[in-house]
Amino acid sequence: MQSKRGGVGIKVKPLIEEITPETTTLRNRVFEYLANHPDGTKMTELEQEFSVARIQMAKLLKDLADENKVAKRNSLYFAI
């Protein structure tokens, strides 16, 4: 398609987030917080508690869910 338009194709690298000691610490703190709140916690509470943007908290919770450490039921998150 680019050749028909006369443009040059641009290759974009996929976004890969590095795992740093800071992100590992935050993940552990969030998991511990959820473990200490067996009735569940909303994402907004986690954002406020850890002063983290929604997008970053959502990514962190998704990663923990992918590792079967966190589950979401309705709008609440639980440690498994």
PDB file of N, CA and C in Angstrom:
ATOM      1  N   MET A   1       0.815  -1.188   0.000  1.00  0.00           N
ATOM      2  CA  MET A   1       0.000   0.000   0.000  1.00  0.00           C
ATOM      3  C   MET A   1       0.864   1.259   0.000  1.00  0.00           C
ATOM      4  N   GLN A   2       1.924   1.243   0.815  1.00  0.00           N
ATOM      5  CA  GLN A   2       2.796   2.414   0.871  1.00  0.00           C
ATOM      6  C   GLN A   2       3.432   2.695  -0.484  1.00  0.00           C
ATOM      7  N   SER A   3       3.761   1.624  -1.233  1.00  0.00           N
ATOM      8  CA  SER A   3       4.418   1.843  -2.520  1.00  0.00           C
ATOM      9  C   SER A   3       3.469   2.520  -3.503  1.00  0.00           C
ATOM     10  N   LYS A   4       2.179   2.260  -3.413  1.00  0.00           N
ATOM     11  CA  LYS A   4       1.210   2.901  -4.288  1.00  0.00           C
ATOM     12  C   LYS A   4       1.081   4.384  -3.975  1.00  0.00           C
ATOM     13  N   ARG A   5       1.246   4.742  -2.715  1.00  0.00           N
ATOM     14  CA  ARG A   5       1.150   6.150  -2.314  1.00  0.00           C
ATOM     15  C   ARG A   5       2.471   6.883  -2.471  1.00  0.00           C
ATOM     16  N   GLY A   6       3.519   6.140  -2.701  1.00  0.00           N
ATOM     17  CA  GLY A   6       4.818   6.773  -2.872  1.00  0.00           C
ATOM     18  C   GLY A   6       5.504   7.098  -1.560  1.00  0.00           C
ATOM     19  N   GLY A   7       4.954   6.637  -0.470  1.00  0.00           N
ATOM     20  CA  GLY A   7       5.534   6.903   0.849  1.00  0.00           C
ATOM     21  C   GLY A   7       6.501   5.812   1.257  1.00  0.00           C
ATOM     22  N   VAL A   8       7.166   6.082   2.329  1.00  0.00           N
ATOM     23  CA  VAL A   8       8.111   5.120   2.869  1.00  0.00           C
ATOM     24  C   VAL A   8       7.450   4.458   4.070  1.00  0.00           C
ATOM     25  N   GLY A   9       7.510   3.138   4.129  1.00  0.00           N
ATOM     26  CA  GLY A   9       6.937   2.414   5.261  1.00  0.00           C
ATOM     27  C   GLY A   9       7.755   2.631   6.522  1.00  0.00           C
ATOM     28  N   ILE A  10       7.094   2.775   7.619  1.00  0.00           N
ATOM     29  CA  ILE A  10       7.764   2.959   8.900  1.00  0.00           C
ATOM     30  C   ILE A  10       7.490   1.733   9.750  1.00  0.00           C
ATOM     31  N   LYS A  11       8.542   1.152  10.268  1.00  0.00           N
ATOM     32  CA  LYS A  11       8.393   0.016  11.160  1.00  0.00           C
ATOM     33  C   LYS A  11       8.360   0.531  12.590  1.00  0.00           C
ATOM     34  N   VAL A  12       7.381   0.060  13.336  1.00  0.00           N
ATOM     35  CA  VAL A  12       7.214   0.472  14.719  1.00  0.00           C
ATOM     36  C   VAL A  12       7.504  -0.712  15.619  1.00  0.00           C
ATOM     37  N   LYS A  13       8.347  -0.491  16.617  1.00  0.00           N
ATOM     38  CA  LYS A  13       8.648  -1.549  17.572  1.00  0.00           C
ATOM     39  C   LYS A  13       7.466  -1.716  18.512  1.00  0.00           C
ATOM     40  N   PRO A  14       7.166  -2.941  18.884  1.00  0.00           N
ATOM     41  CA  PRO A  14       6.122  -3.129  19.894  1.00  0.00           C
ATOM     42  C   PRO A  14       6.583  -2.564  21.233  1.00  0.00           C
ATOM     43  N   LEU A  15       5.627  -2.071  21.998  1.00  0.00           N
ATOM     44  CA  LEU A  15       5.937  -1.501  23.297  1.00  0.00           C
ATOM     45  C   LEU A  15       6.261  -2.625  24.269  1.00  0.00           C
ATOM     46  N   ILE A  16       7.460  -2.622  24.780  1.00  0.00           N
ATOM     47  CA  ILE A  16       7.873  -3.611  25.772  1.00  0.00           C
ATOM     48  C   ILE A  16       8.276  -2.844  27.014  1.00  0.00           C
ATOM     49  N   GLU A  17       7.540  -3.093  28.084  1.00  0.00           N
ATOM     50  CA  GLU A  17       7.838  -2.403  29.326  1.00  0.00           C
ATOM     51  C   GLU A  17       8.883  -3.199  30.092  1.00  0.00           C
ATOM     52  N   GLU A  18       9.938  -2.527  30.489  1.00  0.00           N
ATOM     53  CA  GLU A  18      10.987  -3.191  31.248  1.00  0.00           C
ATOM     54  C   GLU A  18      10.513  -3.483  32.653  1.00  0.00           C
ATOM     55  N   ILE A  19      10.932  -4.605  33.166  1.00  0.00           N
ATOM     56  CA  ILE A  19      10.663  -4.916  34.561  1.00  0.00           C
ATOM     57  C   ILE A  19      11.831  -4.372  35.361  1.00  0.00           C
ATOM     58  N   THR A  20      11.534  -3.382  36.171  1.00  0.00           N
ATOM     59  CA  THR A  20      12.557  -2.745  36.991  1.00  0.00           C
ATOM     60  C   THR A  20      12.332  -3.127  38.447  1.00  0.00           C
ATOM     61  N   PRO A  21      13.305  -2.880  39.293  1.00  0.00           N
ATOM     62  CA  PRO A  21      13.085  -3.137  40.725  1.00  0.00           C
ATOM     63  C   PRO A  21      11.892  -2.341  41.276  1.00  0.00           C
ATOM     64  N   GLU A  22      11.675  -1.136  40.731  1.00  0.00           N
ATOM     65  CA  GLU A  22      10.559  -0.312  41.194  1.00  0.00           C
ATOM     66  C   GLU A  22       9.213  -0.945  40.833  1.00  0.00           C
ATOM     67  N   THR A  23       9.092  -1.461  39.595  1.00  0.00           N
ATOM     68  CA  THR A  23       7.825  -2.073  39.197  1.00  0.00           C
ATOM     69  C   THR A  23       7.600  -3.380  39.950  1.00  0.00           C
ATOM     70  N   THR A  24       8.659  -4.122  40.207  1.00  0.00           N
ATOM     71  CA  THR A  24       8.534  -5.357  40.980  1.00  0.00           C
ATOM     72  C   THR A  24       8.086  -5.045  42.398  1.00  0.00           C
ATOM     73  N   THR A  25       8.658  -4.019  43.002  1.00  0.00           N
ATOM     74  CA  THR A  25       8.270  -3.612  44.349  1.00  0.00           C
ATOM     75  C   THR A  25       6.813  -3.180  44.376  1.00  0.00           C
ATOM     76  N   LEU A  26       6.392  -2.395  43.394  1.00  0.00           N
ATOM     77  CA  LEU A  26       5.005  -1.940  43.334  1.00  0.00           C
ATOM     78  C   LEU A  26       4.067  -3.133  43.176  1.00  0.00           C
ATOM     79  N   ARG A  27       4.402  -4.064  42.306  1.00  0.00           N
ATOM     80  CA  ARG A  27       3.571  -5.266  42.110  1.00  0.00           C
ATOM     81  C   ARG A  27       3.427  -6.033  43.419  1.00  0.00           C
ATOM     82  N   ASN A  28       4.523  -6.187  44.144  1.00  0.00           N
ATOM     83  CA  ASN A  28       4.485  -6.904  45.416  1.00  0.00           C
ATOM     84  C   ASN A  28       3.635  -6.154  46.444  1.00  0.00           C
ATOM     85  N   ARG A  29       3.771  -4.840  46.478  1.00  0.00           N
ATOM     86  CA  ARG A  29       2.993  -4.037  47.426  1.00  0.00           C
ATOM     87  C   ARG A  29       1.506  -4.104  47.108  1.00  0.00           C
ATOM     88  N   VAL A  30       1.153  -4.051  45.828  1.00  0.00           N
ATOM     89  CA  VAL A  30      -0.260  -4.130  45.428  1.00  0.00           C
ATOM     90  C   VAL A  30      -0.815  -5.504  45.779  1.00  0.00           C
ATOM     91  N   PHE A  31      -0.056  -6.555  45.490  1.00  0.00           N
ATOM     92  CA  PHE A  31      -0.519  -7.902  45.820  1.00  0.00           C
ATOM     93  C   PHE A  31      -0.717  -8.046  47.330  1.00  0.00           C
ATOM     94  N   GLU A  32       0.209  -7.547  48.107  1.00  0.00           N
ATOM     95  CA  GLU A  32       0.106  -7.616  49.570  1.00  0.00           C
ATOM     96  C   GLU A  32      -1.120  -6.825  50.061  1.00  0.00           C
ATOM     97  N   TYR A  33      -1.342  -5.664  49.466  1.00  0.00           N
ATOM     98  CA  TYR A  33      -2.501  -4.848  49.825  1.00  0.00           C
ATOM     99  C   TYR A  33      -3.790  -5.629  49.556  1.00  0.00           C
ATOM    100  N   LEU A  34      -3.878  -6.254  48.388  1.00  0.00           N
ATOM    101  CA  LEU A  34      -5.069  -7.035  48.051  1.00  0.00           C
ATOM    102  C   LEU A  34      -5.226  -8.232  48.988  1.00  0.00           C
ATOM    103  N   ALA A  35      -4.130  -8.862  49.351  1.00  0.00           N
ATOM    104  CA  ALA A  35      -4.189 -10.003  50.269  1.00  0.00           C
ATOM    105  C   ALA A  35      -4.706  -9.574  51.638  1.00  0.00           C
ATOM    106  N   ASN A  36      -4.435  -8.342  52.026  1.00  0.00           N
ATOM    107  CA  ASN A  36      -4.890  -7.817  53.313  1.00  0.00           C
ATOM    108  C   ASN A  36      -6.300  -7.245  53.263  1.00  0.00           C
ATOM    109  N   HIS A  37      -6.932  -7.280  52.105  1.00  0.00           N
ATOM    110  CA  HIS A  37      -8.299  -6.793  51.925  1.00  0.00           C
ATOM    111  C   HIS A  37      -9.135  -7.900  51.279  1.00  0.00           C
ATOM    112  N   PRO A  38      -9.495  -8.911  52.069  1.00  0.00           N
ATOM    113  CA  PRO A  38     -10.183 -10.083  51.507  1.00  0.00           C
ATOM    114  C   PRO A  38     -11.566  -9.784  50.924  1.00  0.00           C
ATOM    115  N   ASP A  39     -12.154  -8.635  51.261  1.00  0.00           N
ATOM    116  CA  ASP A  39     -13.459  -8.273  50.702  1.00  0.00           C
ATOM    117  C   ASP A  39     -13.346  -7.631  49.324  1.00  0.00           C
ATOM    118  N   GLY A  40     -12.117  -7.488  48.832  1.00  0.00           N
ATOM    119  CA  GLY A  40     -11.897  -6.904  47.507  1.00  0.00           C
ATOM    120  C   GLY A  40     -11.632  -5.421  47.566  1.00  0.00           C
ATOM    121  N   THR A  41     -11.045  -4.914  46.508  1.00  0.00           N
ATOM    122  CA  THR A  41     -10.671  -3.503  46.406  1.00  0.00           C
ATOM    123  C   THR A  41     -10.926  -3.018  44.993  1.00  0.00           C
ATOM    124  N   LYS A  42     -11.452  -1.814  44.884  1.00  0.00           N
ATOM    125  CA  LYS A  42     -11.667  -1.210  43.565  1.00  0.00           C
ATOM    126  C   LYS A  42     -10.356  -0.630  43.045  1.00  0.00           C
ATOM    127  N   MET A  43     -10.280  -0.546  41.736  1.00  0.00           N
ATOM    128  CA  MET A  43      -9.073   0.011  41.124  1.00  0.00           C
ATOM    129  C   MET A  43      -8.834   1.448  41.586  1.00  0.00           C
ATOM    130  N   THR A  44      -9.896   2.222  41.737  1.00  0.00           N
ATOM    131  CA  THR A  44      -9.728   3.615  42.168  1.00  0.00           C
ATOM    132  C   THR A  44      -9.064   3.696  43.542  1.00  0.00           C
ATOM    133  N   GLU A  45      -9.392   2.760  44.426  1.00  0.00           N
ATOM    134  CA  GLU A  45      -8.746   2.728  45.745  1.00  0.00           C
ATOM    135  C   GLU A  45      -7.254   2.441  45.603  1.00  0.00           C
ATOM    136  N   LEU A  46      -6.925   1.508  44.719  1.00  0.00           N
ATOM    137  CA  LEU A  46      -5.517   1.168  44.498  1.00  0.00           C
ATOM    138  C   LEU A  46      -4.753   2.346  43.894  1.00  0.00           C
ATOM    139  N   GLU A  47      -5.382   3.034  42.946  1.00  0.00           N
ATOM    140  CA  GLU A  47      -4.744   4.210  42.336  1.00  0.00           C
ATOM    141  C   GLU A  47      -4.405   5.244  43.399  1.00  0.00           C
ATOM    142  N   GLN A  48      -5.354   5.504  44.276  1.00  0.00           N
ATOM    143  CA  GLN A  48      -5.154   6.512  45.320  1.00  0.00           C
ATOM    144  C   GLN A  48      -4.128   6.050  46.342  1.00  0.00           C
ATOM    145  N   GLU A  49      -4.227   4.795  46.750  1.00  0.00           N
ATOM    146  CA  GLU A  49      -3.319   4.257  47.764  1.00  0.00           C
ATOM    147  C   GLU A  49      -1.860   4.313  47.318  1.00  0.00           C
ATOM    148  N   PHE A  50      -1.620   4.013  46.043  1.00  0.00           N
ATOM    149  CA  PHE A  50      -0.247   3.922  45.544  1.00  0.00           C
ATOM    150  C   PHE A  50       0.158   5.099  44.659  1.00  0.00           C
ATOM    151  N   SER A  51      -0.737   6.083  44.519  1.00  0.00           N
ATOM    152  CA  SER A  51      -0.456   7.280  43.702  1.00  0.00           C
ATOM    153  C   SER A  51       0.043   6.896  42.310  1.00  0.00           C
ATOM    154  N   VAL A  52      -0.739   6.036  41.661  1.00  0.00           N
ATOM    155  CA  VAL A  52      -0.375   5.524  40.343  1.00  0.00           C
ATOM    156  C   VAL A  52      -1.500   5.857  39.368  1.00  0.00           C
ATOM    157  N   ALA A  53      -1.146   6.203  38.154  1.00  0.00           N
ATOM    158  CA  ALA A  53      -2.128   6.498  37.111  1.00  0.00           C
ATOM    159  C   ALA A  53      -2.938   5.251  36.786  1.00  0.00           C
ATOM    160  N   ARG A  54      -4.174   5.461  36.369  1.00  0.00           N
ATOM    161  CA  ARG A  54      -5.096   4.357  36.065  1.00  0.00           C
ATOM    162  C   ARG A  54      -4.494   3.386  35.044  1.00  0.00           C
ATOM    163  N   ILE A  55      -3.890   3.890  33.992  1.00  0.00           N
ATOM    164  CA  ILE A  55      -3.356   3.021  32.942  1.00  0.00           C
ATOM    165  C   ILE A  55      -2.252   2.120  33.493  1.00  0.00           C
ATOM    166  N   GLN A  56      -1.412   2.669  34.358  1.00  0.00           N
ATOM    167  CA  GLN A  56      -0.332   1.873  34.950  1.00  0.00           C
ATOM    168  C   GLN A  56      -0.901   0.829  35.904  1.00  0.00           C
ATOM    169  N   MET A  57      -1.898   1.213  36.707  1.00  0.00           N
ATOM    170  CA  MET A  57      -2.502   0.255  37.634  1.00  0.00           C
ATOM    171  C   MET A  57      -3.240  -0.842  36.872  1.00  0.00           C
ATOM    172  N   ALA A  58      -3.926  -0.471  35.799  1.00  0.00           N
ATOM    173  CA  ALA A  58      -4.642  -1.463  34.996  1.00  0.00           C
ATOM    174  C   ALA A  58      -3.663  -2.479  34.406  1.00  0.00           C
ATOM    175  N   LYS A  59      -2.531  -2.016  33.909  1.00  0.00           N
ATOM    176  CA  LYS A  59      -1.503  -2.907  33.347  1.00  0.00           C
ATOM    177  C   LYS A  59      -0.956  -3.827  34.427  1.00  0.00           C
ATOM    178  N   LEU A  60      -0.676  -3.271  35.585  1.00  0.00           N
ATOM    179  CA  LEU A  60      -0.137  -4.051  36.684  1.00  0.00           C
ATOM    180  C   LEU A  60      -1.133  -5.134  37.116  1.00  0.00           C
ATOM    181  N   LEU A  61      -2.420  -4.769  37.246  1.00  0.00           N
ATOM    182  CA  LEU A  61      -3.444  -5.735  37.641  1.00  0.00           C
ATOM    183  C   LEU A  61      -3.642  -6.805  36.573  1.00  0.00           C
ATOM    184  N   LYS A  62      -3.557  -6.417  35.313  1.00  0.00           N
ATOM    185  CA  LYS A  62      -3.678  -7.397  34.233  1.00  0.00           C
ATOM    186  C   LYS A  62      -2.531  -8.397  34.291  1.00  0.00           C
ATOM    187  N   ASP A  63      -1.328  -7.895  34.512  1.00  0.00           N
ATOM    188  CA  ASP A  63      -0.163  -8.784  34.616  1.00  0.00           C
ATOM    189  C   ASP A  63      -0.324  -9.754  35.781  1.00  0.00           C
ATOM    190  N   LEU A  64      -0.786  -9.255  36.933  1.00  0.00           N
ATOM    191  CA  LEU A  64      -0.992 -10.115  38.093  1.00  0.00           C
ATOM    192  C   LEU A  64      -2.097 -11.136  37.816  1.00  0.00           C
ATOM    193  N   ALA A  65      -3.132 -10.726  37.100  1.00  0.00           N
ATOM    194  CA  ALA A  65      -4.214 -11.648  36.746  1.00  0.00           C
ATOM    195  C   ALA A  65      -3.703 -12.718  35.780  1.00  0.00           C
ATOM    196  N   ASP A  66      -2.847 -12.321  34.826  1.00  0.00           N
ATOM    197  CA  ASP A  66      -2.270 -13.281  33.879  1.00  0.00           C
ATOM    198  C   ASP A  66      -1.406 -14.324  34.592  1.00  0.00           C
ATOM    199  N   GLU A  67      -0.848 -13.934  35.746  1.00  0.00           N
ATOM    200  CA  GLU A  67      -0.021 -14.842  36.541  1.00  0.00           C
ATOM    201  C   GLU A  67      -0.864 -15.611  37.566  1.00  0.00           C
ATOM    202  N   ASN A  68      -2.181 -15.458  37.477  1.00  0.00           N
ATOM    203  CA  ASN A  68      -3.118 -16.113  38.407  1.00  0.00           C
ATOM    204  C   ASN A  68      -2.875 -15.735  39.861  1.00  0.00           C
ATOM    205  N   LYS A  69      -2.507 -14.483  40.089  1.00  0.00           N
ATOM    206  CA  LYS A  69      -2.307 -13.980  41.444  1.00  0.00           C
ATOM    207  C   LYS A  69      -3.458 -13.084  41.883  1.00  0.00           C
ATOM    208  N   VAL A  70      -4.186 -12.552  40.896  1.00  0.00           N
ATOM    209  CA  VAL A  70      -5.280 -11.619  41.168  1.00  0.00           C
ATOM    210  C   VAL A  70      -6.476 -12.007  40.312  1.00  0.00           C
ATOM    211  N   ALA A  71      -7.662 -11.838  40.892  1.00  0.00           N
ATOM    212  CA  ALA A  71      -8.897 -12.081  40.146  1.00  0.00           C
ATOM    213  C   ALA A  71      -9.785 -10.846  40.271  1.00  0.00           C
ATOM    214  N   LYS A  72     -10.593 -10.612  39.228  1.00  0.00           N
ATOM    215  CA  LYS A  72     -11.539  -9.502  39.248  1.00  0.00           C
ATOM    216  C   LYS A  72     -12.948 -10.073  39.227  1.00  0.00           C
ATOM    217  N   ARG A  73     -13.754  -9.644  40.178  1.00  0.00           N
ATOM    218  CA  ARG A  73     -15.163 -10.021  40.234  1.00  0.00           C
ATOM    219  C   ARG A  73     -15.959  -8.739  40.341  1.00  0.00           C
ATOM    220  N   ASN A  74     -16.842  -8.546  39.365  1.00  0.00           N
ATOM    221  CA  ASN A  74     -17.579  -7.282  39.224  1.00  0.00           C
ATOM    222  C   ASN A  74     -16.549  -6.166  39.108  1.00  0.00           C
ATOM    223  N   SER A  75     -16.516  -5.218  40.008  1.00  0.00           N
ATOM    224  CA  SER A  75     -15.526  -4.145  39.894  1.00  0.00           C
ATOM    225  C   SER A  75     -14.477  -4.238  40.997  1.00  0.00           C
ATOM    226  N   LEU A  76     -14.386  -5.400  41.648  1.00  0.00           N
ATOM    227  CA  LEU A  76     -13.444  -5.568  42.744  1.00  0.00           C
ATOM    228  C   LEU A  76     -12.321  -6.529  42.365  1.00  0.00           C
ATOM    229  N   TYR A  77     -11.143  -6.243  42.892  1.00  0.00           N
ATOM    230  CA  TYR A  77      -9.962  -7.079  42.678  1.00  0.00           C
ATOM    231  C   TYR A  77      -9.633  -7.823  43.972  1.00  0.00           C
ATOM    232  N   PHE A  78      -9.244  -9.084  43.825  1.00  0.00           N
ATOM    233  CA  PHE A  78      -8.934  -9.948  44.962  1.00  0.00           C
ATOM    234  C   PHE A  78      -7.608 -10.649  44.720  1.00  0.00           C
ATOM    235  N   ALA A  79      -6.842 -10.866  45.797  1.00  0.00           N
ATOM    236  CA  ALA A  79      -5.656 -11.729  45.705  1.00  0.00           C
ATOM    237  C   ALA A  79      -6.143 -13.169  45.715  1.00  0.00           C
ATOM    238  N   ILE A  80      -5.509 -14.003  44.917  1.00  0.00           N
ATOM    239  CA  ILE A  80      -5.888 -15.417  44.868  1.00  0.00           C
ATOM    240  C   ILE A  80      -4.914 -16.207  45.716  1.00  0.00           C
TER     241      ILE A  80
END
